Amino acid sequence: MSKITEQSDITLHFELALNDGQVVDSTFEKSPAQFSYGDGSLLPSFEEMLIGLEEGQEASFNMSPEKAFGMRNPNNIQRMPRSQFAIDIEEGMIVSFADVGKNELPGVIASIEDNEVEVDFNHPLSGRDLVFRVKVLKIGPSE
C-alpha cells in the first residue's frame, strides 16, 4: 500500500475545526482536495502531518497556533484615519488593502471611532488551537 511521501500527489478530504468543534473549512461534503506535496496548497506543518499516511486512512491532528496560523501579533493591528475609508464599514467586516508591493492584504475592521478605525491584519485563525482531520483517498507519485 502506498504511503504519503514528499514526492506524492495527494487526493484527500480535510476538515479544519476549532477546539469547540466549530468547522472552519471542510471538503467532506464537496469535491476532495488534490495537490502535490510541497506545492504550497497546505501550510508546511499541515503537510508534515500527512507523511506516512496510507490510502483510505483517516487521521486527526491537534494543531497549536505555532504549528497552524501563528500567534496573534499586536503589531498587525493598525489604526487608520476614518477618512481613508470611502465605503460604509462595520466592525467584523473584511476589507482588502494593498501592501507596498501591491499585493492584496485582507484586514478585519476591529473597531470604529469618530476619527479612527482599528484594522486587524492578523490571520483570523492566528492564536487558535485547531483540529485538522483528513481522509486520504488517493496517493500517486508526483510527475
C-alpha atoms as a PDB file:
ATOM      1  CA  MET A   1       0.000   0.000   0.000  1.00  0.00           C
ATOM      2  CA  SER A   2       1.379   3.406  -0.908  1.00  0.00           C
ATOM      3  CA  LYS A   3       2.155   5.966   1.774  1.00  0.00           C
ATOM      4  CA  ILE A   4       2.391   9.737   1.514  1.00  0.00           C
ATOM      5  CA  THR A   5       5.939  10.978   0.965  1.00  0.00           C
ATOM      6  CA  GLU A   6       7.435  14.325  -0.035  1.00  0.00           C
ATOM      7  CA  GLN A   7       7.122  13.152  -3.668  1.00  0.00           C
ATOM      8  CA  SER A   8       3.390  12.351  -3.562  1.00  0.00           C
ATOM      9  CA  ASP A   9       0.401  13.684  -5.427  1.00  0.00           C
ATOM     10  CA  ILE A  10      -2.428  13.503  -2.915  1.00  0.00           C
ATOM     11  CA  THR A  11      -6.213  13.459  -3.092  1.00  0.00           C
ATOM     12  CA  LEU A  12      -7.929  13.796   0.269  1.00  0.00           C
ATOM     13  CA  HIS A  13     -10.818  15.193   2.211  1.00  0.00           C
ATOM     14  CA  PHE A  14      -9.943  17.542   5.048  1.00  0.00           C
ATOM     15  CA  GLU A  15     -11.661  19.427   7.805  1.00  0.00           C
ATOM     16  CA  LEU A  16     -10.285  22.309   9.829  1.00  0.00           C
ATOM     17  CA  ALA A  17     -12.150  22.959  13.075  1.00  0.00           C
ATOM     18  CA  LEU A  18     -11.768  24.940  16.273  1.00  0.00           C
ATOM     19  CA  ASN A  19     -11.346  23.034  19.541  1.00  0.00           C
ATOM     20  CA  ASP A  20     -15.028  23.575  20.325  1.00  0.00           C
ATOM     21  CA  GLY A  21     -15.948  21.621  17.177  1.00  0.00           C
ATOM     22  CA  GLN A  22     -16.911  24.630  15.045  1.00  0.00           C
ATOM     23  CA  VAL A  23     -15.911  23.730  11.469  1.00  0.00           C
ATOM     24  CA  VAL A  24     -13.901  26.457   9.732  1.00  0.00           C
ATOM     25  CA  ASP A  25     -13.393  24.677   6.388  1.00  0.00           C
ATOM     26  CA  SER A  26     -14.171  21.210   5.055  1.00  0.00           C
ATOM     27  CA  THR A  27     -14.182  19.293   1.783  1.00  0.00           C
ATOM     28  CA  PHE A  28     -16.061  16.274   3.173  1.00  0.00           C
ATOM     29  CA  GLU A  29     -19.346  17.447   1.596  1.00  0.00           C
ATOM     30  CA  LYS A  30     -17.644  18.733  -1.570  1.00  0.00           C
ATOM     31  CA  SER A  31     -15.014  17.642  -4.059  1.00  0.00           C
ATOM     32  CA  PRO A  32     -11.805  16.414  -2.412  1.00  0.00           C
ATOM     33  CA  ALA A  33      -8.623  18.489  -2.394  1.00  0.00           C
ATOM     34  CA  GLN A  34      -5.918  17.485  -4.880  1.00  0.00           C
ATOM     35  CA  PHE A  35      -2.346  18.725  -4.610  1.00  0.00           C
ATOM     36  CA  SER A  36       1.316  17.787  -4.852  1.00  0.00           C
ATOM     37  CA  TYR A  37       3.241  17.644  -1.584  1.00  0.00           C
ATOM     38  CA  GLY A  38       5.154  20.914  -1.162  1.00  0.00           C
ATOM     39  CA  ASP A  39       3.225  22.921  -3.771  1.00  0.00           C
ATOM     40  CA  GLY A  40       2.018  25.455  -1.187  1.00  0.00           C
ATOM     41  CA  SER A  41      -1.601  24.256  -1.093  1.00  0.00           C
ATOM     42  CA  LEU A  42      -1.252  23.475   2.624  1.00  0.00           C
ATOM     43  CA  LEU A  43       0.900  25.044   5.302  1.00  0.00           C
ATOM     44  CA  PRO A  44       4.134  23.036   5.672  1.00  0.00           C
ATOM     45  CA  SER A  45       3.235  21.973   9.229  1.00  0.00           C
ATOM     46  CA  PHE A  46      -0.087  20.555   7.976  1.00  0.00           C
ATOM     47  CA  GLU A  47       1.707  18.684   5.171  1.00  0.00           C
ATOM     48  CA  GLU A  48       4.207  17.213   7.648  1.00  0.00           C
ATOM     49  CA  MET A  49       1.295  15.571   9.489  1.00  0.00           C
ATOM     50  CA  LEU A  50       0.412  13.656   6.309  1.00  0.00           C
ATOM     51  CA  ILE A  51       3.774  11.880   5.876  1.00  0.00           C
ATOM     52  CA  GLY A  52       3.332   8.127   6.220  1.00  0.00           C
ATOM     53  CA  LEU A  53      -0.464   8.098   5.919  1.00  0.00           C
ATOM     54  CA  GLU A  54      -1.878   5.432   3.574  1.00  0.00           C
ATOM     55  CA  GLU A  55      -4.750   5.430   1.067  1.00  0.00           C
ATOM     56  CA  GLY A  56      -8.057   5.031   2.887  1.00  0.00           C
ATOM     57  CA  GLN A  57      -6.571   6.104   6.215  1.00  0.00           C
ATOM     58  CA  GLU A  58      -8.285   8.717   8.370  1.00  0.00           C
ATOM     59  CA  ALA A  59      -6.422  10.779  10.941  1.00  0.00           C
ATOM     60  CA  SER A  60      -6.975  13.755  13.209  1.00  0.00           C
ATOM     61  CA  PHE A  61      -4.280  16.133  14.458  1.00  0.00           C
ATOM     62  CA  ASN A  62      -4.368  18.829  17.133  1.00  0.00           C
ATOM     63  CA  MET A  63      -2.545  21.865  15.784  1.00  0.00           C
ATOM     64  CA  SER A  64      -1.199  24.504  18.178  1.00  0.00           C
ATOM     65  CA  PRO A  65      -1.194  28.130  16.988  1.00  0.00           C
ATOM     66  CA  GLU A  66       2.561  27.880  16.378  1.00  0.00           C
ATOM     67  CA  LYS A  67       2.005  24.919  14.020  1.00  0.00           C
ATOM     68  CA  ALA A  68      -1.086  26.418  12.388  1.00  0.00           C
ATOM     69  CA  PHE A  69      -1.511  30.135  11.620  1.00  0.00           C
ATOM     70  CA  GLY A  70       0.844  31.571  14.251  1.00  0.00           C
ATOM     71  CA  MET A  71       0.288  33.619  17.348  1.00  0.00           C
ATOM     72  CA  ARG A  72      -1.545  36.933  17.206  1.00  0.00           C
ATOM     73  CA  ASN A  73       0.863  39.815  16.663  1.00  0.00           C
ATOM     74  CA  PRO A  74      -0.135  43.170  18.192  1.00  0.00           C
ATOM     75  CA  ASN A  75       1.986  44.895  15.517  1.00  0.00           C
ATOM     76  CA  ASN A  76      -0.506  43.627  12.911  1.00  0.00           C
ATOM     77  CA  ILE A  77      -3.240  45.846  14.353  1.00  0.00           C
ATOM     78  CA  GLN A  78      -3.206  49.271  12.715  1.00  0.00           C
ATOM     79  CA  ARG A  79      -5.092  52.481  13.404  1.00  0.00           C
ATOM     80  CA  MET A  80      -6.111  54.459  10.316  1.00  0.00           C
ATOM     81  CA  PRO A  81      -7.935  57.724   9.747  1.00  0.00           C
ATOM     82  CA  ARG A  82     -11.684  57.184   9.292  1.00  0.00           C
ATOM     83  CA  SER A  83     -11.487  59.446   6.230  1.00  0.00           C
ATOM     84  CA  GLN A  84      -9.360  56.816   4.452  1.00  0.00           C
ATOM     85  CA  PHE A  85     -12.455  54.620   4.017  1.00  0.00           C
ATOM     86  CA  ALA A  86     -14.663  55.617   1.075  1.00  0.00           C
ATOM     87  CA  ILE A  87     -17.094  52.758   1.767  1.00  0.00           C
ATOM     88  CA  ASP A  88     -19.533  52.115   4.604  1.00  0.00           C
ATOM     89  CA  ILE A  89     -17.752  49.865   7.087  1.00  0.00           C
ATOM     90  CA  GLU A  90     -18.885  47.812  10.071  1.00  0.00           C
ATOM     91  CA  GLU A  91     -16.998  46.019  12.826  1.00  0.00           C
ATOM     92  CA  GLY A  92     -16.093  42.491  11.736  1.00  0.00           C
ATOM     93  CA  MET A  93     -16.102  43.402   8.043  1.00  0.00           C
ATOM     94  CA  ILE A  94     -13.135  42.173   5.990  1.00  0.00           C
ATOM     95  CA  VAL A  95     -11.633  44.886   3.810  1.00  0.00           C
ATOM     96  CA  SER A  96      -8.967  44.398   1.165  1.00  0.00           C
ATOM     97  CA  PHE A  97      -5.912  46.644   1.239  1.00  0.00           C
ATOM     98  CA  ALA A  98      -2.821  46.753  -0.977  1.00  0.00           C
ATOM     99  CA  ASP A  99       0.604  46.457   0.643  1.00  0.00           C
ATOM    100  CA  VAL A 100       3.742  48.232  -0.600  1.00  0.00           C
ATOM    101  CA  GLY A 101       4.249  45.559  -3.276  1.00  0.00           C
ATOM    102  CA  LYS A 102       0.626  45.983  -4.456  1.00  0.00           C
ATOM    103  CA  ASN A 103      -0.304  42.555  -3.019  1.00  0.00           C
ATOM    104  CA  GLU A 104      -3.819  42.132  -1.636  1.00  0.00           C
ATOM    105  CA  LEU A 105      -3.870  42.162   2.143  1.00  0.00           C
ATOM    106  CA  PRO A 106      -7.156  41.454   3.947  1.00  0.00           C
ATOM    107  CA  GLY A 107      -7.861  43.210   7.230  1.00  0.00           C
ATOM    108  CA  VAL A 108     -10.736  42.883   9.682  1.00  0.00           C
ATOM    109  CA  ILE A 109     -12.364  46.066  10.957  1.00  0.00           C
ATOM    110  CA  ALA A 110     -11.841  45.647  14.716  1.00  0.00           C
ATOM    111  CA  SER A 111     -13.340  48.939  15.921  1.00  0.00           C
ATOM    112  CA  ILE A 112     -14.672  52.197  14.523  1.00  0.00           C
ATOM    113  CA  GLU A 113     -14.405  55.532  16.297  1.00  0.00           C
ATOM    114  CA  ASP A 114     -15.300  59.040  15.131  1.00  0.00           C
ATOM    115  CA  ASN A 115     -11.931  59.755  13.545  1.00  0.00           C
ATOM    116  CA  GLU A 116     -10.097  56.413  13.606  1.00  0.00           C
ATOM    117  CA  VAL A 117     -10.597  52.835  12.511  1.00  0.00           C
ATOM    118  CA  GLU A 118      -8.694  49.906  14.009  1.00  0.00           C
ATOM    119  CA  VAL A 119      -7.862  47.218  11.433  1.00  0.00           C
ATOM    120  CA  ASP A 120      -6.566  43.771  12.419  1.00  0.00           C
ATOM    121  CA  PHE A 121      -4.258  42.226   9.802  1.00  0.00           C
ATOM    122  CA  ASN A 122      -3.634  39.027  11.804  1.00  0.00           C
ATOM    123  CA  HIS A 123      -4.885  35.850  10.146  1.00  0.00           C
ATOM    124  CA  PRO A 124      -8.396  35.211  11.542  1.00  0.00           C
ATOM    125  CA  LEU A 125      -7.210  31.810  12.865  1.00  0.00           C
ATOM    126  CA  SER A 126      -3.992  33.107  14.433  1.00  0.00           C
ATOM    127  CA  GLY A 127      -3.688  32.321  18.121  1.00  0.00           C
ATOM    128  CA  ARG A 128      -6.212  29.474  17.822  1.00  0.00           C
ATOM    129  CA  ASP A 129      -5.746  25.772  18.532  1.00  0.00           C
ATOM    130  CA  LEU A 130      -7.171  23.816  15.601  1.00  0.00           C
ATOM    131  CA  VAL A 131      -8.117  20.241  14.785  1.00  0.00           C
ATOM    132  CA  PHE A 132      -7.032  19.066  11.318  1.00  0.00           C
ATOM    133  CA  ARG A 133      -8.879  15.931  10.170  1.00  0.00           C
ATOM    134  CA  VAL A 134      -8.104  14.097   6.935  1.00  0.00           C
ATOM    135  CA  LYS A 135      -9.205  11.071   4.939  1.00  0.00           C
ATOM    136  CA  VAL A 136      -6.636  10.060   2.312  1.00  0.00           C
ATOM    137  CA  LEU A 137      -8.399   8.984  -0.886  1.00  0.00           C
ATOM    138  CA  LYS A 138      -5.554   8.538  -3.384  1.00  0.00           C
ATOM    139  CA  ILE A 139      -1.764   8.748  -3.416  1.00  0.00           C
ATOM    140  CA  GLY A 140       0.334   8.842  -6.549  1.00  0.00           C
ATOM    141  CA  PRO A 141       3.910   9.770  -7.417  1.00  0.00           C
ATOM    142  CA  SER A 142       4.375  13.411  -8.409  1.00  0.00           C
ATOM    143  CA  GLU A 143       5.029  13.988 -12.054  1.00  0.00           C
END
